[in-house]
Protein backbone atom coordinates (compact mmCIF):
# COMPACT_ATOMS: atom_id res chain seq x y z
CA MET A 1 76.47 -63.72 86.38
CA THR A 2 74.38 -65.57 83.48
CA LYS A 3 73.88 -69.31 84.61
CA LYS A 4 74.69 -72.20 82.47
CA ALA A 5 72.14 -75.80 82.48
CA ILE A 6 73.81 -78.15 80.99
CA ILE A 7 71.13 -80.97 79.54
CA ILE A 8 72.22 -84.50 78.49
CA GLY A 9 70.23 -85.61 75.54
CA ALA A 10 68.68 -83.90 72.58
CA GLY A 11 65.69 -85.80 72.45
CA PRO A 12 62.46 -84.32 72.74
CA ALA A 13 62.37 -83.54 76.72
CA GLY A 14 66.03 -82.13 76.46
CA LEU A 15 65.12 -79.97 73.90
CA THR A 16 62.05 -78.94 74.91
CA SER A 17 63.84 -77.85 78.24
CA ALA A 18 66.57 -75.92 76.22
CA TYR A 19 63.91 -74.33 74.38
CA GLU A 20 61.89 -73.21 77.53
CA LEU A 21 65.11 -72.01 79.06
CA LEU A 22 65.84 -69.58 76.52
CA GLU A 23 62.41 -68.55 75.82
CA ARG A 24 61.74 -67.56 79.39
CA SER A 25 64.99 -66.67 81.56
CA ASP A 26 68.74 -65.65 80.52
CA ILE A 27 69.88 -69.33 81.47
CA ILE A 28 71.97 -70.55 78.43
CA PRO A 29 71.42 -74.29 77.73
CA VAL A 30 74.14 -76.72 76.73
CA ILE A 31 73.00 -79.89 75.30
CA LEU A 32 75.31 -82.91 75.07
CA GLU A 33 74.10 -85.51 72.81
CA GLU A 34 75.58 -89.03 72.58
CA ASN A 35 74.64 -89.36 68.53
CA ASP A 36 75.36 -87.47 65.89
CA PHE A 37 71.42 -85.94 65.18
CA VAL A 38 68.75 -84.91 67.46
CA GLY A 39 65.28 -86.26 68.74
CA GLY A 40 66.71 -89.67 70.32
CA ILE A 41 64.04 -91.96 69.78
CA SER A 42 61.73 -89.66 68.23
CA ALA A 43 64.70 -88.75 65.18
CA THR A 44 63.60 -89.34 61.88
CA LEU A 45 66.06 -91.45 59.97
CA ASP A 46 67.18 -91.06 55.98
CA TYR A 47 67.81 -93.68 53.83
CA LYS A 48 68.28 -92.45 50.11
CA ASN A 49 65.49 -90.29 50.52
CA ASN A 50 63.18 -92.71 52.49
CA LYS A 51 62.60 -91.73 55.85
CA ILE A 52 62.21 -93.98 58.57
CA ASP A 53 60.19 -93.11 62.38
CA MET A 54 61.38 -95.26 64.69
CA GLY A 55 58.14 -96.33 66.42
CA GLY A 56 55.95 -93.97 65.06
CA HIS A 57 55.06 -90.70 66.83
CA ARG A 58 51.70 -89.44 66.82
CA PHE A 59 51.35 -85.55 67.63
CA PHE A 60 48.39 -85.65 69.76
CA SER A 61 47.95 -84.33 73.28
CA LYS A 62 45.46 -84.49 75.82
CA SER A 63 47.33 -81.18 77.05
CA ASP A 64 46.81 -77.98 74.73
CA ARG A 65 50.14 -76.45 76.25
CA VAL A 66 51.62 -78.99 74.49
CA MET A 67 49.71 -79.02 71.32
CA ASN A 68 50.06 -75.31 71.17
CA TRP A 69 53.81 -75.50 71.30
CA TRP A 70 53.94 -77.99 68.95
CA LEU A 71 52.03 -75.84 66.17
CA ASP A 72 53.80 -72.91 67.25
CA ILE A 73 57.05 -74.97 65.75
CA LEU A 74 54.90 -76.28 62.63
CA PRO A 75 51.70 -74.82 61.92
CA LEU A 76 49.01 -76.66 60.61
CA GLN A 77 48.73 -77.32 56.58
CA GLY A 78 46.54 -74.98 55.00
CA LYS A 79 46.32 -76.91 51.79
CA PRO A 80 46.07 -80.30 50.58
CA SER A 81 49.15 -82.57 50.65
CA LYS A 82 50.08 -84.94 47.71
CA ASP A 83 48.03 -87.43 48.37
CA ASP A 84 45.07 -85.43 49.67
CA LYS A 85 45.27 -84.28 46.18
CA LEU A 86 45.62 -87.32 44.51
CA LEU A 87 42.64 -88.62 46.84
CA ASN A 88 40.15 -85.72 46.56
CA ARG A 89 40.66 -86.24 50.08
CA GLU A 90 38.85 -83.51 52.21
CA ILE A 91 40.41 -82.76 55.51
CA GLU A 92 39.96 -80.09 58.01
CA LEU A 93 42.97 -77.49 56.92
CA SER A 94 43.64 -74.74 59.13
CA LYS A 95 41.96 -71.63 58.69
CA LEU A 96 44.92 -69.01 59.34
CA LYS A 97 45.27 -66.26 56.64
CA LYS A 98 49.19 -67.61 56.27
CA ALA A 99 48.69 -71.27 56.97
CA PRO A 100 51.38 -73.37 55.11
CA ASN A 101 51.06 -75.13 51.77
CA PRO A 102 52.85 -78.70 51.99
CA GLU A 103 53.45 -78.46 48.54
CA LYS A 104 55.23 -75.20 48.72
CA THR A 105 57.01 -75.59 52.23
CA ASP A 106 58.61 -78.00 54.61
CA LYS A 107 57.81 -75.97 57.94
CA VAL A 108 54.26 -77.60 58.01
CA MET A 109 52.23 -80.06 60.18
CA LEU A 110 49.94 -82.66 58.40
CA LYS A 111 46.87 -83.38 59.37
CA ARG A 112 46.52 -87.32 59.52
CA ASN A 113 43.82 -89.93 59.58
CA ARG A 114 44.68 -92.55 61.76
CA LEU A 115 44.03 -96.45 61.39
CA SER A 116 45.79 -98.72 63.57
CA ARG A 117 44.81 -102.68 63.56
CA ILE A 118 45.50 -105.77 65.11
CA TYR A 119 46.92 -108.71 62.32
CA TYR A 120 45.70 -112.12 64.13
CA LEU A 121 45.10 -115.48 62.01
CA LYS A 122 46.42 -113.55 58.90
CA THR A 123 43.20 -111.41 59.40
CA PHE A 124 42.93 -107.44 60.45
CA PHE A 125 40.80 -106.70 63.30
CA SER A 126 40.26 -103.07 64.92
CA TYR A 127 42.68 -101.61 67.57
CA PRO A 128 41.61 -100.89 70.16
CA VAL A 129 39.70 -104.14 69.63
CA SER A 130 35.82 -103.55 68.69
CA LEU A 131 32.95 -105.40 69.32
CA ASN A 132 31.95 -105.34 65.46
CA MET A 133 31.01 -108.04 62.48
CA ASP A 134 34.57 -108.02 61.40
CA THR A 135 35.86 -109.27 65.07
CA ILE A 136 32.84 -111.82 65.25
CA LYS A 137 33.90 -112.75 61.73
CA GLY A 138 37.56 -113.11 62.21
CA LEU A 139 37.04 -114.96 65.64
CA GLY A 140 33.98 -117.09 65.07
CA LEU A 141 30.65 -117.07 67.67
CA TRP A 142 32.27 -120.02 69.79
CA ARG A 143 35.47 -117.67 70.76
CA MET A 144 33.43 -114.66 71.06
CA PHE A 145 30.81 -116.73 73.50
CA ARG A 146 33.85 -117.40 75.89
CA ILE A 147 35.29 -113.72 75.31
CA GLY A 148 31.77 -112.57 76.66
CA CYS A 149 31.57 -114.88 79.84
CA SER A 150 35.12 -114.57 80.34
CA TYR A 151 34.62 -110.60 80.68
CA MET A 152 31.60 -110.97 82.87
CA LYS A 153 33.29 -113.21 85.10
CA ALA A 154 36.22 -110.44 85.32
CA LEU A 155 33.24 -108.02 86.00
CA ILE A 156 31.61 -109.76 88.74
CA PHE A 157 34.96 -111.42 90.13
CA PRO A 158 37.73 -109.25 89.82
CA ILE A 159 41.08 -109.83 90.29
CA LYS A 160 41.29 -107.70 94.11
CA GLU A 161 44.85 -106.17 94.10
CA GLU A 162 46.57 -106.36 90.74
CA LYS A 163 50.15 -107.28 91.30
CA SER A 164 50.96 -107.27 87.65
CA LEU A 165 50.09 -106.31 84.07
CA GLU A 166 48.38 -109.57 83.58
CA ASP A 167 46.21 -108.56 86.10
CA PHE A 168 45.46 -105.57 84.69
CA MET A 169 44.38 -106.81 81.76
CA ILE A 170 42.59 -109.53 82.89
CA ASN A 171 40.06 -106.87 84.91
CA ARG A 172 39.76 -104.89 82.17
CA PHE A 173 38.86 -107.35 79.13
CA GLY A 174 38.73 -110.89 81.16
CA LYS A 175 41.15 -113.90 80.54
CA GLU A 176 39.92 -114.78 76.97
CA LEU A 177 39.95 -112.09 75.29
CA TYR A 178 43.59 -111.20 76.86
CA LEU A 179 44.76 -113.99 75.50
CA THR A 180 43.45 -113.71 72.24
CA PHE A 181 44.83 -110.36 71.62
CA PHE A 182 46.99 -108.90 74.36
CA LYS A 183 49.80 -111.76 75.98
CA ASP A 184 51.59 -112.75 73.04
CA TYR A 185 52.18 -108.84 71.94
CA THR A 186 53.28 -107.62 75.31
CA GLU A 187 55.70 -110.76 75.86
CA LYS A 188 57.14 -110.02 72.28
CA LEU A 189 57.58 -106.38 73.36
CA TRP A 190 58.89 -106.82 76.72
CA GLY A 191 60.24 -110.44 76.43
CA ILE A 192 58.73 -111.54 79.72
CA ASP A 193 56.08 -112.97 80.73
CA CYS A 194 53.28 -110.62 81.73
CA ASN A 195 52.75 -112.04 85.27
CA LYS A 196 56.36 -110.31 86.08
CA ILE A 197 55.61 -106.70 84.66
CA SER A 198 54.22 -104.71 87.12
CA ALA A 199 50.74 -103.46 86.57
CA GLU A 200 51.89 -100.15 86.65
CA TRP A 201 52.88 -100.10 82.82
CA GLY A 202 48.80 -101.10 82.01
CA ALA A 203 48.16 -97.78 84.07
CA GLN A 204 50.07 -95.61 82.19
CA ARG A 205 49.73 -96.86 78.57
CA ILE A 206 46.02 -98.67 78.31
CA LYS A 207 44.87 -96.69 81.44
CA GLY A 208 41.72 -95.76 79.92
CA ILE A 209 40.74 -98.43 77.84
CA SER A 210 38.69 -101.79 78.80
CA ILE A 211 35.74 -103.35 77.06
CA LEU A 212 33.18 -100.76 78.92
CA LYS A 213 34.77 -98.01 77.45
CA VAL A 214 34.90 -99.64 73.73
CA ILE A 215 31.43 -100.41 74.07
CA LYS A 216 30.83 -96.52 75.41
CA GLN A 217 32.79 -95.16 72.53
CA ILE A 218 30.63 -97.50 69.70
CA LEU A 219 27.28 -95.54 71.34
CA LYS A 220 29.05 -92.27 71.24
CA ASN A 221 30.14 -92.89 67.65
CA ILE A 222 26.70 -94.48 66.65
CA SER A 223 24.65 -91.48 68.61
CA GLY A 224 27.05 -88.78 67.14
CA LYS A 225 27.28 -87.48 70.61
CA LYS A 226 29.99 -85.38 71.36
CA GLY A 227 31.77 -84.25 74.46
CA GLY A 228 33.86 -85.30 77.37
CA ALA A 229 37.26 -86.55 77.08
CA ILE A 230 38.84 -88.48 74.25
CA GLU A 231 40.86 -91.73 75.20
CA THR A 232 44.44 -91.09 73.26
CA SER A 233 44.13 -95.28 72.15
CA PHE A 234 40.52 -93.76 70.56
CA ILE A 235 41.54 -90.75 68.58
CA GLU A 236 40.61 -90.94 64.46
CA SER A 237 43.31 -88.37 63.44
CA PHE A 238 46.39 -86.66 64.59
CA PHE A 239 48.86 -84.29 63.47
CA TYR A 240 52.60 -84.88 62.00
CA PRO A 241 55.49 -83.39 60.66
CA LYS A 242 55.84 -83.48 56.71
CA PHE A 243 59.09 -84.90 57.27
CA GLY A 244 58.42 -87.49 60.46
CA PRO A 245 58.95 -86.45 63.95
CA GLY A 246 62.65 -85.82 63.38
CA HIS A 247 61.61 -82.67 61.32
CA LEU A 248 59.94 -80.88 64.68
CA TRP A 249 62.68 -81.43 66.37
CA GLN A 250 65.41 -80.26 63.83
CA ASN A 251 63.46 -77.45 63.65
CA VAL A 252 63.42 -77.20 67.48
CA ALA A 253 67.57 -77.41 67.50
CA GLN A 254 67.89 -74.67 65.23
CA MET A 255 65.85 -72.68 66.71
CA ILE A 256 68.01 -73.37 70.16
CA GLU A 257 71.24 -72.13 68.72
CA ASP A 258 69.67 -69.26 66.99
CA LYS A 259 68.79 -68.13 70.45
CA GLY A 260 72.48 -68.46 71.65
CA GLY A 261 71.96 -72.11 73.10
CA LYS A 262 74.74 -74.92 72.06
CA ILE A 263 74.45 -78.13 70.95
CA TYR A 264 77.46 -80.54 70.90
CA PHE A 265 77.15 -83.96 69.21
CA ASN A 266 78.87 -87.21 69.89
CA GLU A 267 79.48 -86.31 73.26
CA LYS A 268 79.00 -89.24 75.52
CA VAL A 269 78.46 -88.79 78.99
CA THR A 270 80.70 -91.02 80.98
CA ARG A 271 81.21 -89.38 84.58
CA ILE A 272 79.15 -86.91 86.67
CA ILE A 273 80.64 -85.06 89.64
CA LYS A 274 78.56 -84.19 92.65
CA GLU A 275 80.12 -81.98 95.32
CA ASP A 276 77.81 -81.11 98.95
CA ASN A 277 74.70 -82.65 97.20
CA LYS A 278 75.17 -80.54 94.24
CA ILE A 279 76.22 -81.53 90.59
CA VAL A 280 79.46 -79.42 89.44
CA ALA A 281 80.05 -80.78 86.31
CA VAL A 282 79.85 -83.61 83.98
CA GLU A 283 82.69 -85.32 81.83
CA THR A 284 82.26 -86.38 78.07
CA THR A 285 83.97 -89.05 76.11
CA ASN A 286 83.74 -88.68 72.20
CA GLU A 287 84.21 -91.21 69.60
CA LYS A 288 88.13 -91.05 69.73
CA GLY A 289 88.21 -91.48 73.21
CA TYR A 290 88.75 -87.62 74.19
CA LYS A 291 87.52 -86.11 77.37
CA LYS A 292 86.30 -82.99 77.96
CA VAL A 293 84.46 -81.49 80.96
CA TYR A 294 81.49 -79.21 80.99
CA GLU A 295 80.87 -77.21 84.51
CA GLY A 296 77.39 -75.53 84.98
CA ASP A 297 74.63 -74.10 87.49
CA ILE A 298 71.60 -76.34 86.43
CA PHE A 299 71.66 -80.15 85.21
CA ILE A 300 68.84 -81.70 83.15
CA SER A 301 69.31 -85.38 82.26
CA THR A 302 67.30 -87.41 80.01
CA MET A 303 70.05 -90.46 79.82
CA PRO A 304 68.89 -93.89 81.07
CA VAL A 305 69.16 -93.96 85.19
CA LYS A 306 71.08 -96.64 84.99
CA ASP A 307 73.79 -95.06 83.53
CA LEU A 308 73.04 -91.99 85.27
CA ILE A 309 73.60 -93.31 88.72
CA GLU A 310 76.67 -95.51 87.32
CA SER A 311 78.20 -92.48 86.42
CA MET A 312 77.53 -90.71 89.83
CA ASN A 313 80.72 -90.48 92.54
CA ASP A 314 79.04 -91.29 96.51
CA ILE A 315 76.07 -92.94 95.96
CA PRO A 316 74.63 -94.92 98.88
CA GLU A 317 74.66 -98.74 98.57
CA ASN A 318 70.69 -99.47 97.91
CA ILE A 319 70.47 -96.83 95.33
CA THR A 320 73.67 -98.76 93.34
CA GLU A 321 72.09 -101.99 93.93
CA VAL A 322 68.54 -100.50 92.25
CA ALA A 323 69.98 -98.63 89.36
CA LYS A 324 71.50 -102.35 88.60
CA GLY A 325 68.60 -103.88 88.34
CA LEU A 326 66.99 -101.37 85.95
CA MET A 327 66.14 -103.24 83.09
CA TYR A 328 65.41 -102.22 79.46
CA ARG A 329 64.14 -103.36 75.93
CA ASP A 330 66.04 -102.03 72.75
CA PHE A 331 64.83 -101.75 69.61
CA ARG A 332 65.75 -102.79 65.74
CA VAL A 333 63.69 -101.76 62.74
CA VAL A 334 64.04 -102.98 59.03
CA GLY A 335 63.04 -100.35 56.40
CA VAL A 336 61.94 -102.49 53.40
CA LEU A 337 61.29 -100.87 50.03
CA LEU A 338 58.60 -102.73 48.04
CA ASP A 339 56.64 -102.20 44.41
CA LYS A 340 53.37 -103.44 46.64
CA LEU A 341 52.04 -105.09 49.50
CA LYS A 342 50.34 -108.54 49.62
CA LEU A 343 47.84 -107.23 52.39
CA LYS A 344 44.30 -106.10 50.50
CA ASN A 345 42.58 -103.07 51.11
CA ASN A 346 39.48 -104.45 52.16
CA THR A 347 38.32 -101.07 53.92
CA ALA A 348 36.03 -98.27 52.40
CA ILE A 349 38.94 -96.11 53.18
CA LYS A 350 40.94 -94.67 49.55
CA THR A 351 44.33 -94.74 49.13
CA VAL A 352 47.16 -94.17 46.59
CA ASN A 353 47.56 -97.55 44.80
CA ASN A 354 44.71 -98.73 47.16
CA ILE A 355 47.29 -100.11 49.95
CA VAL A 356 46.27 -101.29 53.18
CA PRO A 357 45.32 -97.49 55.25
CA ASP A 358 46.76 -98.73 58.42
CA THR A 359 49.77 -96.28 60.07
CA TRP A 360 50.76 -99.14 62.55
CA ILE A 361 50.00 -103.00 62.26
CA TYR A 362 50.22 -104.77 65.64
CA VAL A 363 51.57 -108.16 64.46
CA GLN A 364 49.70 -110.81 67.15
CA GLU A 365 51.05 -114.13 65.16
CA ARG A 366 52.55 -116.47 67.15
CA GLU A 367 55.01 -118.05 64.89
CA VAL A 368 57.13 -114.54 64.09
CA LYS A 369 59.15 -112.20 66.05
CA LEU A 370 57.96 -109.40 64.31
CA GLY A 371 56.43 -106.91 66.51
CA ARG A 372 54.72 -104.01 64.51
CA ILE A 373 54.72 -102.78 61.12
CA GLN A 374 54.46 -99.27 60.18
CA VAL A 375 53.38 -98.35 56.49
CA PHE A 376 54.99 -95.14 55.93
CA ASN A 377 53.07 -94.01 52.46
CA ASN A 378 50.13 -93.37 55.11
CA TRP A 379 51.84 -91.20 57.66
CA SER A 380 53.27 -89.07 55.36
CA PRO A 381 53.29 -88.92 51.51
CA TYR A 382 56.81 -87.08 51.65
CA LEU A 383 58.49 -90.10 53.88
CA VAL A 384 58.70 -91.96 50.65
CA ASP A 385 61.28 -91.01 47.60
CA ASP A 386 58.69 -92.49 44.98
CA PHE A 387 55.33 -92.44 46.70
CA LYS A 388 53.26 -93.20 43.64
CA ASN A 389 54.84 -96.18 42.77
CA LYS A 390 56.67 -97.58 45.72
CA VAL A 391 55.44 -99.05 48.92
CA TRP A 392 57.87 -98.11 52.27
CA ILE A 393 57.18 -100.12 55.45
CA GLY A 394 58.97 -100.44 58.68
CA LEU A 395 59.32 -104.22 60.48
CA GLU A 396 59.91 -103.13 64.07
CA TYR A 397 61.45 -105.82 66.58
CA PHE A 398 62.01 -105.77 70.41
CA CYS A 399 64.98 -107.27 71.86
CA ASN A 400 68.02 -107.64 74.34
CA GLU A 401 71.45 -106.67 73.18
CA LYS A 402 72.02 -110.22 73.47
CA ASP A 403 69.42 -111.78 71.27
CA HIS A 404 70.22 -112.70 67.72
CA ILE A 405 67.74 -109.50 66.68
CA TRP A 406 70.76 -107.51 68.04
CA THR A 407 73.78 -108.96 67.40
CA ASP A 408 73.05 -110.43 63.50
CA SER A 409 74.74 -108.47 61.12
CA ASP A 410 72.73 -106.26 58.93
CA LYS A 411 72.58 -108.32 55.88
CA THR A 412 71.64 -111.45 58.19
CA PHE A 413 68.78 -109.81 59.80
CA ILE A 414 67.25 -108.13 56.86
CA GLU A 415 66.85 -111.35 55.18
CA PHE A 416 65.47 -112.67 58.66
CA ALA A 417 63.03 -109.88 58.74
CA ILE A 418 61.74 -110.32 54.92
CA ASP A 419 61.49 -113.93 55.54
CA GLU A 420 58.99 -113.33 58.54
CA ALA A 421 57.12 -110.69 56.74
CA GLN A 422 57.08 -113.04 53.59
CA LYS A 423 55.62 -116.03 55.43
CA ILE A 424 52.74 -114.49 57.43
CA GLY A 425 51.61 -112.67 54.04
CA ILE A 426 52.60 -109.33 54.05
CA PHE A 427 54.10 -109.21 51.01
CA ASP A 428 56.18 -111.36 48.61
CA LYS A 429 60.58 -111.32 48.50
CA ASP A 430 60.26 -110.95 44.63
CA ASP A 431 58.33 -107.42 45.26
CA VAL A 432 61.27 -106.12 47.49
CA ARG A 433 63.58 -103.51 45.97
CA ASP A 434 65.63 -102.53 49.17
CA ALA A 435 66.31 -102.14 52.69
CA TYR A 436 67.62 -101.16 55.53
CA THR A 437 68.00 -101.29 59.40
CA HIS A 438 68.89 -99.78 62.24
CA LYS A 439 69.20 -100.39 66.45
CA VAL A 440 68.32 -98.57 69.34
CA LYS A 441 69.57 -99.33 72.65
CA LYS A 442 67.54 -98.77 75.73
CA ALA A 443 64.39 -97.87 73.52
CA TYR A 444 61.73 -99.06 76.38
CA PRO A 445 62.53 -98.55 79.92
CA ALA A 446 60.91 -101.80 81.54
CA TYR A 447 58.65 -102.46 84.57
CA PHE A 448 60.06 -104.68 86.02
CA GLY A 449 63.84 -106.04 87.62
CA THR A 450 64.28 -103.54 90.38
CA TYR A 451 61.45 -100.97 89.14
CA ASP A 452 59.22 -101.92 92.30
CA ARG A 453 62.19 -100.11 94.18
CA PHE A 454 62.21 -97.07 91.80
CA ASP A 455 60.99 -94.86 94.40
CA GLU A 456 64.24 -94.86 96.28
CA ILE A 457 66.10 -93.74 92.92
CA LYS A 458 63.81 -90.99 92.41
CA ASN A 459 63.70 -89.56 96.26
CA TYR A 460 67.39 -89.76 96.18
CA VAL A 461 67.63 -87.44 93.25
CA ASN A 462 65.16 -85.28 94.43
CA ASN A 463 67.31 -84.38 96.90
CA ILE A 464 70.35 -83.12 94.92
CA LYS A 465 69.51 -79.46 94.43
CA ASN A 466 70.32 -78.91 91.20
CA LEU A 467 69.46 -81.88 88.93
CA TYR A 468 66.37 -82.90 87.27
CA LEU A 469 65.25 -86.07 85.32
CA VAL A 470 63.09 -85.78 82.57
CA GLY A 471 62.13 -87.67 79.26
CA ARG A 472 61.44 -91.05 78.88
CA ASN A 473 64.97 -92.70 79.85
CA GLY A 474 65.38 -90.08 82.33
CA MET A 475 62.34 -90.88 84.30
CA HIS A 476 62.34 -94.27 83.63
CA ARG A 477 58.77 -94.32 82.60
CA TYR A 478 57.37 -95.60 79.41
CA ASN A 479 56.19 -91.79 78.20
CA ASN A 480 55.00 -90.42 74.77
CA MET A 481 56.41 -87.82 73.33
CA ASP A 482 54.51 -85.73 74.61
CA HIS A 483 54.67 -86.74 78.31
CA SER A 484 58.06 -85.87 77.57
CA THR A 485 57.45 -82.68 76.22
CA LEU A 486 54.86 -81.57 79.17
CA ALA A 487 57.40 -83.05 81.78
CA ALA A 488 60.58 -80.47 80.27
CA MET A 489 58.04 -77.66 80.46
CA LYS A 490 57.11 -78.60 84.25
CA THR A 491 60.80 -78.93 85.02
CA VAL A 492 61.46 -75.19 83.63
CA ASP A 493 58.38 -74.10 85.93
CA PHE A 494 60.16 -75.39 88.60
CA ILE A 495 63.45 -74.00 87.89
CA LEU A 496 62.06 -70.58 87.57
CA GLY A 497 60.17 -70.69 90.53
CA ASN A 498 56.78 -71.05 88.92
CA CYS A 499 55.87 -74.29 90.54
CA SER A 500 57.12 -75.37 94.15
CA ASP A 501 56.52 -79.18 94.10
CA ARG A 502 58.77 -81.31 92.01
CA GLU A 503 56.15 -84.07 92.36
CA ASP A 504 54.30 -82.08 89.56
CA ILE A 505 56.92 -83.21 87.38
CA TRP A 506 56.61 -86.45 88.17
CA SER A 507 53.11 -86.54 87.85
CA VAL A 508 52.77 -86.40 84.18
CA ASN A 509 51.32 -89.67 82.73
CA THR A 510 50.40 -91.26 86.11
CA GLU A 511 47.31 -93.30 86.62
CA SER A 512 45.04 -90.39 87.59
CA ASP A 513 46.19 -88.65 84.55
CA TYR A 514 48.28 -85.68 83.69
CA HIS A 515 45.86 -82.82 84.60
CA GLU A 516 44.93 -81.24 81.30
CA GLU A 517 42.31 -82.96 79.15
CA LYS A 518 41.59 -82.68 75.37
CA LYS A 519 38.00 -82.10 75.06
CA ALA A 520 36.16 -83.44 71.93
CA VAL A 521 35.10 -80.59 69.61
């Protein structure tokens, strides 16, 4: 009898799991998705033909397995994109005979140049922080001297036991640089002091970066030496789907359905039925309140762990207690269509209409709640309807569901975000032509609350024979998209008997790295 896998969530981890099961077995996946779109937080929203990437998703991984998987879905461009042509920009193109032309087909991955910078004191600084003349000019010699002394102190007298994210960052950057560039932005992101956040967040998100690594990378760039593993924060280019990350996941979803898998939308899992230490079924509730039960043999969950445990029957008291204490940060983005930015392009990088060349801009200014800006024109020209004449940006905010950032009406919050951006010199109100806002619940699993007891949940769930947790929320881990993809692949490996240790799934994106490193070529 053919087995059925019930997969909760049609984000990267859920879709990858379903695709891998169909490619490698006769197990039929059934995906239950709460929203009416696929991709989860990696979805691409469309507003009047202007597309929003929620959070910005670079397609780059240290895992060749993941990179090859993505490029099998959307092959790398073989001809220049529209902005490549306008700028006479030379880029590395695919050499395959049938490599797609982005001007003639949609199923294509673009090769994009990466520039992310910090915006502080109404000045741009390199990200990751670089010890260059722009940094020295922006901060001044006295502040740079204090940063140097502070770093030397951290080298000689490091904090021996890193209990918090603050300890982690001070050991790698020194207290002065931490206070200048990291503390305020990180606290905007999490809404809590850095000394109350687990050091594990730093181990997963910025594990390979420190002043010493920055210096080494600068010396490598100057000497022209290649070789060795590249930290993902240092990469200078990445792949990106023509119409954003959701474009890739929409293609994966279509391939799943073509191969016989099922995807049901607007089906929120509200009850998980467990018998004899196995999951036997899940119950969903749709937007009209109707309930439906789905039975299966294998269950893969990408839903928030907090909600997963609360939906299950017969749970030990300590597991319920830990689940209730898990915390999250929510996300709200405002897409703003502009005639032009007030920011000037003072780099040597050529752009269409000479807009700033950044993909991301990290906003360190303390007088605003704005956390980050995306310039969608630079991610892909195909995200912007009138690419030659308009600038389309995303103003990103981090919040909790009780904050005004979340509860404000669309009109009120759009006005608030536009006022903040004008206040710090991003653009003038008079140049705004349209705007749109979107909210995402539980976008960032938090490393505080009861997170220090998360292993209790992990060990409990690992003993449920046919239940597997994958994805950012599924594992309560601040994974990138490639980590979620790789964890899903390893989950299928385990299900099919190609690996014998569940820890292989959980080991993706741990401090010791995730096994495969992308080498410089």
